[in-house]
C-alpha cells in the first residue's frame, strides 16, 4: 500500500500539473540557457499588475510563484519580494526567482524596460 502524499508533495504535484517547460531565451548568471517553468492555469488578468499565475489553495486565491517558493523554501520575509530574473511573470521556476527588496525589484524592472526599448 502506498503512503499518502505529504502536504508539501501534494502542493508540488498540483503546481507542476499546470506547468509547461519552455525555452524563452533566458540565460542564467553562468551563461547557460535555462528554460522557464510557465504556469498554464489561471492568472491575475490584464490590468495593472496582471499576468501573474493564480491558484486556489485552502479556499484562498494565491500567486502560484509564491505558493511554490514557500512550499520549497519557507516563508517570504515581510520586507522581501520575489523577483522573476527571467522577466516572465508566469514562470515559477525556483532558480528564476530571487528574494529582493521592493527597491531592487523596481530597479531591475526599470532596467529590463530600458533594455527592451533598445
N, C-alpha and C. Protein backbone atom coordinates (compact mmCIF):
# COMPACT_ATOMS: atom_id res chain seq x y z
N UNK A 1 0.84 -1.18 0.00
CA UNK A 1 0.00 0.00 0.00
C UNK A 1 0.89 1.25 0.00
N UNK A 2 0.54 2.22 -0.85
CA UNK A 2 1.30 3.46 -0.91
C UNK A 2 0.93 4.39 0.22
N UNK A 3 1.94 5.04 0.77
CA UNK A 3 1.71 6.03 1.83
C UNK A 3 1.07 7.27 1.21
N UNK A 4 0.21 7.96 1.95
CA UNK A 4 -0.39 9.20 1.41
C UNK A 4 0.70 10.26 1.21
N UNK A 5 0.45 11.14 0.24
CA UNK A 5 1.39 12.22 -0.03
C UNK A 5 1.43 13.20 1.13
N UNK A 6 2.60 13.74 1.39
CA UNK A 6 2.69 14.83 2.35
C UNK A 6 2.03 16.06 1.74
N UNK A 7 1.66 17.01 2.57
CA UNK A 7 1.06 18.26 2.06
C UNK A 7 2.01 18.93 1.08
N UNK A 8 3.29 18.97 1.40
CA UNK A 8 4.29 19.60 0.53
C UNK A 8 4.32 18.91 -0.84
N UNK A 9 4.32 17.58 -0.85
CA UNK A 9 4.34 16.84 -2.12
C UNK A 9 3.04 17.04 -2.90
N UNK A 10 1.91 17.08 -2.20
CA UNK A 10 0.62 17.29 -2.86
C UNK A 10 0.57 18.67 -3.53
N UNK A 11 1.06 19.69 -2.84
CA UNK A 11 1.08 21.04 -3.42
C UNK A 11 2.02 21.06 -4.62
N UNK A 12 3.20 20.47 -4.49
CA UNK A 12 4.16 20.43 -5.59
C UNK A 12 3.53 19.76 -6.83
N UNK A 13 2.82 18.64 -6.61
CA UNK A 13 2.20 17.93 -7.73
C UNK A 13 1.09 18.77 -8.38
N UNK A 14 0.29 19.47 -7.57
CA UNK A 14 -0.77 20.34 -8.11
C UNK A 14 -0.18 21.45 -8.96
N UNK A 15 0.88 22.04 -8.47
CA UNK A 15 1.51 23.14 -9.20
C UNK A 15 2.10 22.62 -10.51
N UNK A 16 2.89 21.55 -10.43
CA UNK A 16 3.59 21.06 -11.62
C UNK A 16 2.65 20.49 -12.67
N UNK A 17 1.44 20.12 -12.28
CA UNK A 17 0.46 19.62 -13.24
C UNK A 17 0.03 20.70 -14.23
N UNK A 18 0.25 21.96 -13.88
CA UNK A 18 -0.14 23.09 -14.73
C UNK A 18 1.06 23.87 -15.22
N UNK A 19 2.19 23.19 -15.38
CA UNK A 19 3.42 23.86 -15.80
C UNK A 19 3.89 23.29 -17.13
N UNK A 20 4.32 24.19 -18.01
CA UNK A 20 4.92 23.81 -19.27
C UNK A 20 6.35 24.35 -19.28
N UNK A 21 7.31 23.50 -19.61
CA UNK A 21 8.70 23.92 -19.66
C UNK A 21 8.98 24.47 -21.06
N UNK A 22 9.39 25.76 -21.10
CA UNK A 22 9.53 26.47 -22.37
C UNK A 22 10.87 27.21 -22.41
N UNK A 23 11.57 27.08 -23.53
CA UNK A 23 12.78 27.87 -23.74
C UNK A 23 12.36 29.27 -24.16
N UNK A 24 12.49 30.22 -23.25
CA UNK A 24 12.11 31.61 -23.53
C UNK A 24 13.31 32.46 -23.91
N UNK A 25 14.49 31.82 -23.97
CA UNK A 25 15.71 32.55 -24.30
C UNK A 25 16.46 33.06 -23.08
N UNK A 26 15.95 32.77 -21.88
CA UNK A 26 16.62 33.24 -20.67
C UNK A 26 17.95 32.52 -20.50
N UNK A 27 18.98 33.30 -20.18
CA UNK A 27 20.32 32.77 -19.91
C UNK A 27 20.65 33.14 -18.47
N UNK A 28 21.05 32.16 -17.67
CA UNK A 28 21.32 32.41 -16.25
C UNK A 28 22.63 33.15 -16.04
N UNK A 29 22.96 33.40 -14.78
CA UNK A 29 24.16 34.17 -14.42
C UNK A 29 25.45 33.51 -14.88
N UNK A 30 25.42 32.21 -15.10
CA UNK A 30 26.60 31.47 -15.54
C UNK A 30 26.66 31.31 -17.06
N UNK A 31 25.73 31.98 -17.75
CA UNK A 31 25.72 31.96 -19.20
C UNK A 31 25.07 30.73 -19.83
N UNK A 32 24.32 29.97 -19.02
CA UNK A 32 23.65 28.77 -19.53
C UNK A 32 22.20 29.06 -19.87
N UNK A 33 21.71 28.46 -20.97
CA UNK A 33 20.29 28.57 -21.28
C UNK A 33 19.51 27.88 -20.18
N UNK A 34 18.43 28.51 -19.77
CA UNK A 34 17.65 28.00 -18.65
C UNK A 34 16.16 28.16 -18.97
N UNK A 35 15.49 27.07 -19.35
CA UNK A 35 14.07 27.19 -19.73
C UNK A 35 13.19 27.59 -18.54
N UNK A 36 12.15 28.33 -18.85
CA UNK A 36 11.18 28.74 -17.82
C UNK A 36 10.17 27.62 -17.58
N UNK A 37 9.63 27.60 -16.37
CA UNK A 37 8.53 26.71 -16.00
C UNK A 37 7.29 27.60 -15.95
N UNK A 38 6.56 27.63 -17.07
CA UNK A 38 5.45 28.57 -17.22
C UNK A 38 4.14 27.95 -16.76
N UNK A 39 3.45 28.67 -15.91
CA UNK A 39 2.13 28.29 -15.41
C UNK A 39 1.14 28.39 -16.56
N UNK A 40 0.34 27.33 -16.75
CA UNK A 40 -0.64 27.31 -17.82
C UNK A 40 -2.07 27.51 -17.31
N UNK A 41 -2.23 27.63 -16.01
CA UNK A 41 -3.54 27.82 -15.41
C UNK A 41 -3.95 29.28 -15.39
N UNK A 42 -4.92 29.62 -14.53
CA UNK A 42 -5.43 31.00 -14.47
C UNK A 42 -4.37 32.00 -14.03
N UNK A 43 -4.61 33.26 -14.42
CA UNK A 43 -3.71 34.33 -13.97
C UNK A 43 -4.52 35.51 -13.45
N UNK A 44 -3.82 36.58 -13.11
CA UNK A 44 -4.45 37.72 -12.47
C UNK A 44 -5.06 38.72 -13.45
N UNK A 45 -5.14 38.37 -14.71
CA UNK A 45 -5.82 39.23 -15.68
C UNK A 45 -4.88 40.18 -16.39
N UNK A 46 -5.47 41.18 -17.05
CA UNK A 46 -4.70 42.07 -17.92
C UNK A 46 -4.47 43.46 -17.35
N UNK A 47 -5.01 43.77 -16.19
CA UNK A 47 -4.87 45.11 -15.63
C UNK A 47 -3.48 45.36 -15.07
N UNK A 48 -3.35 46.48 -14.38
CA UNK A 48 -2.08 46.83 -13.74
C UNK A 48 -1.69 45.70 -12.80
N UNK A 49 -0.47 45.21 -12.92
CA UNK A 49 -0.01 44.11 -12.10
C UNK A 49 -0.59 42.77 -12.54
N UNK A 50 -1.15 42.72 -13.73
CA UNK A 50 -1.77 41.50 -14.22
C UNK A 50 -0.76 40.51 -14.79
N UNK A 51 -1.27 39.33 -15.09
CA UNK A 51 -0.45 38.31 -15.74
C UNK A 51 0.28 37.38 -14.80
N UNK A 52 0.10 37.55 -13.49
CA UNK A 52 0.75 36.65 -12.53
C UNK A 52 -0.10 35.41 -12.33
N UNK A 53 0.54 34.24 -12.24
CA UNK A 53 -0.21 32.99 -12.08
C UNK A 53 -0.97 32.94 -10.77
N UNK A 54 -2.19 32.37 -10.81
CA UNK A 54 -3.03 32.27 -9.63
C UNK A 54 -3.57 30.85 -9.49
N UNK A 55 -3.75 30.43 -8.24
CA UNK A 55 -4.37 29.14 -7.95
C UNK A 55 -5.13 29.24 -6.64
N UNK A 56 -6.10 28.36 -6.47
CA UNK A 56 -6.84 28.28 -5.21
C UNK A 56 -6.14 27.27 -4.31
N UNK A 57 -5.94 27.67 -3.07
CA UNK A 57 -5.32 26.79 -2.07
C UNK A 57 -5.97 27.11 -0.73
N UNK A 58 -6.55 26.11 -0.12
CA UNK A 58 -7.24 26.27 1.16
C UNK A 58 -8.29 27.37 1.12
N UNK A 59 -9.01 27.45 0.01
CA UNK A 59 -10.09 28.42 -0.11
C UNK A 59 -9.66 29.84 -0.42
N UNK A 60 -8.37 30.04 -0.65
CA UNK A 60 -7.84 31.37 -0.96
C UNK A 60 -7.21 31.36 -2.34
N UNK A 61 -7.32 32.47 -3.06
CA UNK A 61 -6.62 32.62 -4.33
C UNK A 61 -5.24 33.18 -4.03
N UNK A 62 -4.22 32.49 -4.54
CA UNK A 62 -2.84 32.86 -4.23
C UNK A 62 -1.99 32.90 -5.49
N UNK A 63 -0.91 33.67 -5.43
CA UNK A 63 0.07 33.72 -6.51
C UNK A 63 0.87 32.42 -6.51
N UNK A 64 0.88 31.74 -7.64
CA UNK A 64 1.49 30.42 -7.71
C UNK A 64 2.99 30.47 -7.45
N UNK A 65 3.69 31.48 -7.96
CA UNK A 65 5.13 31.55 -7.72
C UNK A 65 5.43 31.69 -6.22
N UNK A 66 4.55 32.37 -5.49
CA UNK A 66 4.73 32.49 -4.03
C UNK A 66 4.39 31.19 -3.32
N UNK A 67 3.35 30.50 -3.77
CA UNK A 67 3.00 29.20 -3.20
C UNK A 67 4.16 28.23 -3.38
N UNK A 68 4.67 28.16 -4.60
CA UNK A 68 5.75 27.23 -4.91
C UNK A 68 7.01 27.56 -4.10
N UNK A 69 7.37 28.83 -4.06
CA UNK A 69 8.57 29.25 -3.32
C UNK A 69 8.42 28.89 -1.84
N UNK A 70 7.29 29.24 -1.26
CA UNK A 70 7.05 28.98 0.16
C UNK A 70 7.06 27.47 0.44
N UNK A 71 6.48 26.71 -0.46
CA UNK A 71 6.43 25.26 -0.31
C UNK A 71 7.85 24.66 -0.29
N UNK A 72 8.73 25.21 -1.10
CA UNK A 72 10.08 24.66 -1.22
C UNK A 72 11.10 25.30 -0.28
N UNK A 73 10.92 26.59 0.07
CA UNK A 73 11.96 27.33 0.80
C UNK A 73 11.51 27.95 2.11
N UNK A 74 10.22 27.94 2.40
CA UNK A 74 9.73 28.58 3.62
C UNK A 74 9.18 29.96 3.33
N UNK A 75 8.82 30.66 4.39
CA UNK A 75 8.12 31.94 4.24
C UNK A 75 8.98 33.00 3.54
N UNK A 76 8.29 33.92 2.91
CA UNK A 76 8.94 35.07 2.29
C UNK A 76 8.95 36.17 3.36
N UNK A 77 10.13 36.64 3.76
CA UNK A 77 10.19 37.67 4.80
C UNK A 77 9.38 38.91 4.43
N UNK A 78 8.86 39.59 5.44
CA UNK A 78 7.97 40.73 5.24
C UNK A 78 8.50 41.84 4.38
N UNK A 79 9.79 42.08 4.39
CA UNK A 79 10.37 43.19 3.61
C UNK A 79 10.92 42.72 2.26
N UNK A 80 10.60 41.49 1.87
CA UNK A 80 11.14 40.95 0.63
C UNK A 80 10.03 40.62 -0.37
N UNK A 81 10.41 40.58 -1.64
CA UNK A 81 9.52 40.21 -2.73
C UNK A 81 10.26 39.18 -3.57
N UNK A 82 9.52 38.43 -4.37
CA UNK A 82 10.13 37.53 -5.34
C UNK A 82 10.26 38.25 -6.67
N UNK A 83 11.48 38.32 -7.17
CA UNK A 83 11.72 38.92 -8.47
C UNK A 83 11.92 37.79 -9.48
N UNK A 84 11.28 37.92 -10.64
CA UNK A 84 11.47 36.97 -11.73
C UNK A 84 12.70 37.43 -12.52
N UNK A 85 13.83 36.77 -12.30
CA UNK A 85 15.06 37.15 -13.00
C UNK A 85 14.91 36.98 -14.51
N UNK A 86 14.07 36.04 -14.93
CA UNK A 86 13.83 35.79 -16.36
C UNK A 86 12.86 36.80 -16.96
N UNK A 87 12.24 37.62 -16.13
CA UNK A 87 11.27 38.66 -16.51
C UNK A 87 9.95 38.07 -17.04
N UNK A 88 9.70 36.80 -16.77
CA UNK A 88 8.48 36.14 -17.22
C UNK A 88 7.56 35.97 -16.00
N UNK A 89 6.46 36.71 -15.94
CA UNK A 89 5.58 36.68 -14.78
C UNK A 89 4.97 35.30 -14.53
N UNK A 90 4.75 34.53 -15.57
CA UNK A 90 4.12 33.21 -15.43
C UNK A 90 5.13 32.13 -15.04
N UNK A 91 6.41 32.48 -14.95
CA UNK A 91 7.44 31.50 -14.59
C UNK A 91 7.44 31.26 -13.08
N UNK A 92 7.51 29.98 -12.70
CA UNK A 92 7.54 29.64 -11.28
C UNK A 92 8.80 28.85 -10.93
N UNK A 93 9.76 28.77 -11.84
CA UNK A 93 10.98 28.00 -11.61
C UNK A 93 11.78 28.65 -10.47
N UNK A 94 12.12 27.84 -9.47
CA UNK A 94 12.81 28.35 -8.27
C UNK A 94 14.05 29.17 -8.58
N UNK A 95 14.91 28.66 -9.45
CA UNK A 95 16.17 29.37 -9.69
C UNK A 95 16.01 30.54 -10.66
N UNK A 96 14.79 30.82 -11.08
CA UNK A 96 14.49 32.04 -11.84
C UNK A 96 13.91 33.11 -10.93
N UNK A 97 13.68 32.74 -9.67
CA UNK A 97 13.12 33.66 -8.68
C UNK A 97 14.18 34.01 -7.66
N UNK A 98 14.12 35.24 -7.15
CA UNK A 98 15.08 35.67 -6.14
C UNK A 98 14.41 36.60 -5.14
N UNK A 99 14.71 36.41 -3.88
CA UNK A 99 14.21 37.31 -2.84
C UNK A 99 14.97 38.63 -2.92
N UNK A 100 14.24 39.72 -3.09
CA UNK A 100 14.85 41.04 -3.18
C UNK A 100 13.96 42.04 -2.44
N UNK A 101 14.49 43.22 -2.21
CA UNK A 101 13.67 44.29 -1.64
C UNK A 101 12.81 44.88 -2.76
N UNK A 102 11.80 45.65 -2.37
CA UNK A 102 10.94 46.31 -3.34
C UNK A 102 11.78 47.23 -4.24
N UNK A 103 12.72 47.94 -3.64
CA UNK A 103 13.56 48.87 -4.41
C UNK A 103 14.40 48.12 -5.45
N UNK A 104 14.99 46.98 -5.05
CA UNK A 104 15.76 46.19 -6.01
C UNK A 104 14.88 45.70 -7.16
N UNK A 105 13.68 45.25 -6.81
CA UNK A 105 12.75 44.74 -7.81
C UNK A 105 12.40 45.83 -8.82
N UNK A 106 12.13 47.04 -8.34
CA UNK A 106 11.77 48.15 -9.22
C UNK A 106 12.94 48.54 -10.12
N UNK A 107 14.17 48.54 -9.58
CA UNK A 107 15.35 48.87 -10.38
C UNK A 107 15.54 47.86 -11.49
N UNK A 108 15.37 46.58 -11.17
CA UNK A 108 15.52 45.53 -12.18
C UNK A 108 14.44 45.65 -13.25
N UNK A 109 13.21 45.95 -12.84
CA UNK A 109 12.12 46.12 -13.79
C UNK A 109 12.43 47.27 -14.74
N UNK A 110 12.85 48.39 -14.17
CA UNK A 110 13.15 49.56 -15.00
C UNK A 110 14.31 49.30 -15.96
N UNK A 111 15.34 48.59 -15.49
CA UNK A 111 16.47 48.24 -16.35
C UNK A 111 16.01 47.34 -17.50
N UNK A 112 15.16 46.37 -17.21
CA UNK A 112 14.65 45.49 -18.26
C UNK A 112 13.80 46.25 -19.26
N UNK A 113 13.02 47.21 -18.81
CA UNK A 113 12.20 48.02 -19.72
C UNK A 113 13.08 48.87 -20.63
N UNK A 114 14.13 49.47 -20.05
CA UNK A 114 15.05 50.27 -20.87
C UNK A 114 15.73 49.41 -21.93
N UNK A 115 16.15 48.22 -21.52
CA UNK A 115 16.83 47.30 -22.44
C UNK A 115 15.88 46.88 -23.57
N UNK A 116 14.61 46.65 -23.24
CA UNK A 116 13.62 46.22 -24.23
C UNK A 116 13.36 47.30 -25.28
N UNK A 117 13.53 48.56 -24.89
CA UNK A 117 13.28 49.67 -25.83
C UNK A 117 14.41 49.83 -26.83
N UNK A 118 15.58 49.28 -26.55
CA UNK A 118 16.74 49.44 -27.46
C UNK A 118 16.58 48.69 -28.73
